[in-house]
Amino acid sequence: MSLSVSKLNSNILIAENRRAAPEFSQKVRVLCWVMTQPKHLKSRTQHIRATWGKRCNIVLYMSSEVSDFPTVGLNVSEGRSQLYWKTIRAFQHIHTHHLDDADWFLKADDDTFVVLENLRYGLSKHNAEEPQYFGRRFTPFIAQGYMSGGAGYVLSKEALRRFVKGFADGLCTHNTETEDVGLGKCMETMKVQMGDSRDVLGRQTFHPYPPDYYLPRQTPRPRPWYLIYEHYQPVEGPGCCSDLAISFHYIDAVQMHTLEYYTYHLRPYGYKYRFNPNVKIQVRQEKRWLIQTLGVIHLKRKELLYV
């Protein structure tokens, strides 16, 4: 018997997998803007367009030049020193042209992989009219911290309004070349709160590095350089990352398509999924306590029978 799946059966499986996604895609509208540049369109950006980019309600590729890719040309130069300028101009462009087209506004680099369904699920619990933004929370430089630029971050509609207003009113300025720190400073100034994007088990969903930086089990050691800035106590090994992970950074073209395959196509036949994100930790703990208590009672009853 052949192990291959027919085209018809494959289409049925894909349709079943996507059955729940359209509901969230209309209820939680996400505009994605990807920070890119002309020399990356073939090596990076086209692979986002072929994978996760098509799952955004709207996707904009922000560059220094207009092209038929298509890209939006911003009035900036290229280079690391221009990243925050590009971020400012991108959000200003979105505020002017797309404010009412989405509820949430995701910024991602052109080497970041994003699982939109997991992002929408996490955002579905929050109100886009509240001033808040989500991502991988880092600790230094700003009192409330800031979200990692590489892992991607998402602003609510009200956070976007406040960010643009901050520059219009002169409350926020281009005072650093470090994009994520600069945005974090403006968020703090404009009273935009940092949300907790971890899952119900406290596992991270936004990741500034590829999966192999986090997943291998490690022996006790000093905190490695890529975990220095973590706001929450980092976990290494299989418990590091949520089953509903949202993003990974520094993903090349091959890894982009590999993660696409692992996320949307690979399935273990007959496997019953165990993680239910809607079950509260407290319920699990109470159930565990009840089982342990009943077990003790049962043992004591057995002891009494033999007295």
Protein backbone atom coordinates (compact mmCIF):
# COMPACT_ATOMS: atom_id res chain seq x y z
CA MET A 1 0.00 0.00 0.00
CA SER A 2 1.36 3.42 -0.95
CA LEU A 3 2.21 5.87 1.84
CA SER A 4 1.51 8.86 -0.44
CA VAL A 5 -1.62 10.91 0.05
CA SER A 6 -3.73 11.61 -3.02
CA LYS A 7 -4.21 15.18 -4.20
CA LEU A 8 -7.91 14.97 -3.29
CA ASN A 9 -7.26 13.71 0.23
CA SER A 10 -4.50 16.30 0.67
CA ASN A 11 -6.91 19.10 -0.27
CA ILE A 12 -9.49 17.76 2.19
CA LEU A 13 -6.92 17.71 4.99
CA ILE A 14 -5.83 21.27 4.20
CA ALA A 15 -9.45 22.43 4.15
CA GLU A 16 -10.10 20.82 7.55
CA ASN A 17 -6.98 22.40 9.03
CA ARG A 18 -8.04 25.83 7.81
CA ARG A 19 -11.67 25.58 8.87
CA ALA A 20 -11.17 27.50 12.11
CA ALA A 21 -8.80 30.13 10.69
CA PRO A 22 -11.24 32.27 8.66
CA GLU A 23 -13.29 33.09 11.75
CA PHE A 24 -10.31 34.71 13.48
CA SER A 25 -9.07 36.34 10.28
CA GLN A 26 -12.23 38.44 10.11
CA LYS A 27 -12.65 39.05 13.83
CA VAL A 28 -8.97 39.88 14.47
CA ARG A 29 -7.79 41.87 11.46
CA VAL A 30 -4.01 42.13 11.26
CA LEU A 31 -2.06 44.42 8.96
CA CYS A 32 1.50 43.15 8.57
CA TRP A 33 4.29 45.42 7.44
CA VAL A 34 7.63 43.89 6.61
CA MET A 35 10.81 45.95 6.91
CA THR A 36 12.86 45.18 3.81
CA GLN A 37 15.15 46.79 1.23
CA PRO A 38 15.78 46.45 -2.53
CA LYS A 39 18.65 43.96 -2.29
CA HIS A 40 16.61 41.59 -0.09
CA LEU A 41 13.54 41.24 -2.30
CA LYS A 42 14.76 38.08 -4.06
CA SER A 43 16.82 36.55 -1.26
CA ARG A 44 14.34 37.13 1.59
CA THR A 45 11.14 39.03 0.97
CA GLN A 46 9.74 36.89 -1.83
CA HIS A 47 9.84 33.92 0.55
CA ILE A 48 7.67 35.78 3.07
CA ARG A 49 5.24 36.56 0.26
CA ALA A 50 5.15 32.85 -0.62
CA THR A 51 4.61 31.69 2.97
CA TRP A 52 3.17 33.54 5.95
CA GLY A 53 2.65 36.94 4.29
CA LYS A 54 -0.43 35.68 2.42
CA ARG A 55 -2.21 35.05 5.74
CA CYS A 56 -2.22 38.71 6.80
CA ASN A 57 -5.40 40.68 6.13
CA ILE A 58 -3.11 43.27 4.51
CA VAL A 59 0.63 42.95 3.96
CA LEU A 60 2.89 45.90 3.10
CA TYR A 61 6.55 45.60 2.19
CA MET A 62 8.30 48.78 3.38
CA SER A 63 11.49 49.79 1.61
CA SER A 64 13.44 52.90 0.63
CA GLU A 65 12.23 52.58 -2.97
CA VAL A 66 8.94 51.94 -4.72
CA SER A 67 8.96 48.78 -6.85
CA ASP A 68 6.49 46.51 -8.62
CA PHE A 69 7.25 43.74 -6.07
CA PRO A 70 5.30 45.70 -4.75
CA THR A 71 7.09 47.77 -2.11
CA VAL A 72 6.10 51.01 -0.43
CA GLY A 73 8.86 53.59 -0.82
CA LEU A 74 9.57 55.53 2.37
CA ASN A 75 11.53 58.78 2.44
CA VAL A 76 14.59 57.18 4.08
CA SER A 77 17.98 55.75 3.20
CA GLU A 78 19.03 52.16 3.84
CA GLY A 79 21.32 50.91 6.62
CA ARG A 80 21.06 49.96 10.28
CA SER A 81 21.21 53.62 11.32
CA GLN A 82 18.00 54.21 9.35
CA LEU A 83 15.89 51.42 10.87
CA TYR A 84 14.07 53.64 13.35
CA TRP A 85 13.42 56.29 10.70
CA LYS A 86 11.97 53.55 8.51
CA THR A 87 9.79 52.39 11.41
CA ILE A 88 8.51 55.90 12.08
CA ARG A 89 7.74 56.54 8.41
CA ALA A 90 6.10 53.13 8.02
CA PHE A 91 3.70 53.64 10.92
CA GLN A 92 2.93 57.18 9.72
CA HIS A 93 2.13 55.80 6.25
CA ILE A 94 -0.12 53.11 7.73
CA HIS A 95 -1.88 55.62 9.99
CA THR A 96 -2.62 57.83 6.97
CA HIS A 97 -3.69 55.13 4.51
CA HIS A 98 -4.77 52.02 6.43
CA LEU A 99 -5.88 52.94 9.97
CA ASP A 100 -9.41 51.59 9.49
CA ASP A 101 -8.36 48.53 7.48
CA ALA A 102 -7.14 46.56 10.51
CA ASP A 103 -7.34 46.33 14.29
CA TRP A 104 -3.73 45.31 14.95
CA PHE A 105 -0.51 46.33 13.20
CA LEU A 106 2.39 43.88 13.09
CA LYS A 107 5.96 44.89 12.29
CA ALA A 108 8.29 42.10 11.17
CA ASP A 109 11.74 41.94 9.61
CA ASP A 110 12.28 40.28 6.24
CA ASP A 111 13.95 37.33 7.98
CA THR A 112 11.18 36.69 10.53
CA PHE A 113 8.69 33.82 10.30
CA VAL A 114 5.23 34.48 11.76
CA VAL A 115 2.32 32.14 12.49
CA LEU A 116 -0.65 34.46 11.96
CA GLU A 117 -3.25 32.07 13.35
CA ASN A 118 -1.45 31.94 16.70
CA LEU A 119 -1.02 35.70 16.72
CA ARG A 120 -4.73 36.22 16.09
CA TYR A 121 -5.63 33.76 18.81
CA GLY A 122 -3.51 35.64 21.35
CA LEU A 123 -4.84 39.03 20.25
CA SER A 124 -8.47 37.83 20.36
CA LYS A 125 -8.42 38.20 24.14
CA HIS A 126 -7.57 41.90 23.94
CA ASN A 127 -9.25 45.13 22.88
CA ALA A 128 -7.58 46.96 19.99
CA GLU A 129 -8.99 50.25 21.30
CA GLU A 130 -6.82 49.92 24.40
CA PRO A 131 -3.26 51.38 24.24
CA GLN A 132 -1.15 48.21 24.29
CA TYR A 133 1.46 46.35 22.30
CA PHE A 134 2.84 42.82 22.35
CA GLY A 135 6.07 41.02 21.52
CA ARG A 136 9.15 39.61 23.26
CA ARG A 137 9.70 41.82 26.29
CA PHE A 138 13.24 42.98 27.00
CA THR A 139 14.34 44.73 30.19
CA PRO A 140 17.19 47.30 29.91
CA PHE A 141 17.31 50.95 28.79
CA ILE A 142 13.63 51.82 29.44
CA ALA A 143 11.72 51.68 32.72
CA GLN A 144 8.85 49.53 31.44
CA GLY A 145 11.08 47.71 28.95
CA TYR A 146 10.57 47.32 25.21
CA MET A 147 9.69 44.67 22.66
CA SER A 148 12.38 42.98 20.56
CA GLY A 149 12.42 44.29 17.00
CA GLY A 150 13.66 41.06 15.47
CA ALA A 151 10.96 38.92 17.06
CA GLY A 152 8.35 41.31 15.71
CA TYR A 153 5.84 43.35 17.68
CA VAL A 154 2.21 44.25 17.21
CA LEU A 155 0.50 47.53 18.09
CA SER A 156 -3.19 47.95 18.82
CA LYS A 157 -5.06 50.56 16.81
CA GLU A 158 -4.95 52.93 19.79
CA ALA A 159 -1.20 52.32 20.25
CA LEU A 160 -0.67 53.24 16.59
CA ARG A 161 -2.67 56.43 17.03
CA ARG A 162 -0.61 57.41 20.07
CA PHE A 163 2.71 56.61 18.38
CA VAL A 164 1.91 58.89 15.44
CA LYS A 165 0.51 61.59 17.73
CA GLY A 166 3.68 61.43 19.82
CA PHE A 167 5.76 62.53 16.83
CA ALA A 168 3.19 65.04 15.61
CA ASP A 169 3.18 66.74 19.03
CA GLY A 170 6.95 66.50 19.58
CA LEU A 171 6.59 64.22 22.61
CA CYS A 172 8.47 61.44 20.79
CA THR A 173 11.68 62.08 18.86
CA HIS A 174 14.23 60.17 16.83
CA ASN A 175 16.68 60.01 19.73
CA THR A 176 18.31 56.63 18.97
CA GLU A 177 19.31 54.56 15.98
CA THR A 178 18.11 51.41 17.74
CA GLU A 179 14.64 50.82 16.35
CA ASP A 180 13.04 48.69 19.07
CA VAL A 181 14.43 50.80 21.92
CA GLY A 182 13.26 54.00 20.23
CA LEU A 183 9.77 52.65 19.70
CA GLY A 184 9.67 51.35 23.27
CA LYS A 185 10.60 54.77 24.61
CA CYS A 186 7.80 56.41 22.64
CA MET A 187 5.35 53.74 23.83
CA GLU A 188 6.27 54.53 27.44
CA THR A 189 5.99 58.29 26.86
CA MET A 190 2.56 57.90 25.26
CA LYS A 191 1.31 55.60 28.05
CA VAL A 192 1.04 52.51 25.86
CA GLN A 193 1.15 49.43 28.06
CA MET A 194 3.28 46.35 27.38
CA GLY A 195 1.19 43.20 27.10
CA ASP A 196 2.23 39.73 28.21
CA SER A 197 2.31 37.50 25.14
CA ARG A 198 3.26 34.29 26.98
CA ASP A 199 0.81 31.38 26.95
CA VAL A 200 -1.15 30.04 29.95
CA LEU A 201 1.84 27.92 30.96
CA GLY A 202 4.19 30.93 30.91
CA ARG A 203 5.98 29.86 27.72
CA GLN A 204 7.21 32.44 25.22
CA THR A 205 5.52 32.96 21.85
CA PHE A 206 7.71 35.66 20.20
CA HIS A 207 11.31 34.56 19.60
CA PRO A 208 14.23 36.82 18.56
CA TYR A 209 16.26 33.81 17.32
CA PRO A 210 15.63 30.52 15.47
CA PRO A 211 14.18 27.49 17.31
CA ASP A 212 17.57 25.79 17.71
CA TYR A 213 18.70 28.57 20.06
CA TYR A 214 16.04 27.57 22.58
CA LEU A 215 14.90 23.97 22.11
CA PRO A 216 17.99 21.83 22.98
CA ARG A 217 18.07 20.87 26.65
CA GLN A 218 20.98 22.61 28.40
CA THR A 219 22.95 21.86 31.55
CA PRO A 220 22.99 24.62 34.22
CA ARG A 221 25.26 27.47 33.08
CA PRO A 222 25.55 31.25 33.08
CA ARG A 223 22.84 32.93 31.03
CA PRO A 224 24.02 33.02 27.36
CA TRP A 225 24.33 36.35 25.57
CA TYR A 226 21.11 35.98 23.60
CA LEU A 227 19.09 35.68 26.84
CA ILE A 228 20.74 38.59 28.67
CA TYR A 229 17.96 41.10 28.02
CA GLU A 230 15.03 38.86 28.92
CA HIS A 231 12.36 40.43 31.15
CA TYR A 232 11.00 37.07 32.33
CA GLN A 233 13.15 34.26 33.70
CA PRO A 234 14.29 32.42 30.55
CA VAL A 235 13.70 28.71 30.13
CA GLU A 236 15.93 26.58 27.93
CA GLY A 237 14.98 23.21 26.53
CA PRO A 238 11.60 21.83 25.39
CA GLY A 239 9.69 23.99 27.88
CA CYS A 240 11.07 27.19 26.37
CA CYS A 241 8.55 27.77 23.66
CA SER A 242 4.79 27.74 23.44
CA ASP A 243 2.93 25.18 21.35
CA LEU A 244 1.27 28.31 19.95
CA ALA A 245 4.52 30.07 19.04
CA ILE A 246 4.07 33.23 16.97
CA SER A 247 7.48 34.18 15.57
CA PHE A 248 11.12 33.24 15.05
CA HIS A 249 13.84 35.61 13.81
CA TYR A 250 17.00 35.13 11.70
CA ILE A 251 15.19 32.67 9.44
CA ASP A 252 16.76 32.24 6.00
CA ALA A 253 14.91 31.24 2.83
CA VAL A 254 15.31 27.49 3.34
CA GLN A 255 14.24 27.71 6.98
CA MET A 256 11.26 29.86 5.98
CA HIS A 257 9.85 27.10 3.78
CA THR A 258 10.85 24.43 6.31
CA LEU A 259 8.90 26.15 9.08
CA GLU A 260 5.99 26.60 6.68
CA TYR A 261 5.98 22.84 6.08
CA TYR A 262 6.32 21.91 9.75
CA THR A 263 3.61 24.37 10.79
CA TYR A 264 0.95 23.83 8.14
CA HIS A 265 1.54 20.42 6.59
CA LEU A 266 3.36 17.91 8.79
CA ARG A 267 0.98 15.94 11.02
CA PRO A 268 1.58 12.79 13.09
CA TYR A 269 -1.18 10.36 12.11
CA GLY A 270 -3.48 9.39 14.98
CA TYR A 271 -1.96 11.86 17.44
CA LYS A 272 -4.41 13.40 19.89
CA TYR A 273 -3.31 16.96 20.62
CA ARG A 274 -2.74 17.49 24.35
CA PHE A 275 -2.31 21.23 24.87
CA ASN A 276 -5.54 23.19 25.31
CA PRO A 277 -4.72 26.89 25.73
CA ASN A 278 -8.23 27.61 26.98
CA VAL A 279 -7.79 25.49 30.12
CA LYS A 280 -6.65 27.66 33.01
CA ILE A 281 -3.60 26.58 35.01
CA GLN A 282 -5.63 26.88 38.21
CA VAL A 283 -8.08 24.24 36.98
CA ARG A 284 -5.24 21.87 36.19
CA GLN A 285 -3.68 22.41 39.59
CA GLU A 286 -7.00 21.86 41.36
CA LYS A 287 -7.57 18.66 39.40
CA ARG A 288 -4.08 17.44 40.30
CA TRP A 289 -4.68 18.26 43.97
CA LEU A 290 -8.03 16.43 43.90
CA ILE A 291 -6.47 13.31 42.37
CA GLN A 292 -3.68 13.32 44.95
CA THR A 293 -6.17 13.82 47.79
CA LEU A 294 -8.41 10.99 46.59
CA GLY A 295 -5.36 8.79 46.29
CA VAL A 296 -4.39 9.45 49.92
CA ILE A 297 -7.96 8.74 51.08
CA HIS A 298 -7.98 5.49 49.10
CA LEU A 299 -4.70 4.38 50.69
CA LYS A 300 -5.96 5.16 54.18
CA ARG A 301 -9.16 3.19 53.54
CA LYS A 302 -7.08 0.20 52.46
CA GLU A 303 -4.97 0.48 55.61
CA LEU A 304 -8.13 0.42 57.76
CA LEU A 305 -9.34 -2.77 56.05
CA TYR A 306 -6.21 -4.60 57.18
CA VAL A 307 -6.22 -3.38 60.80
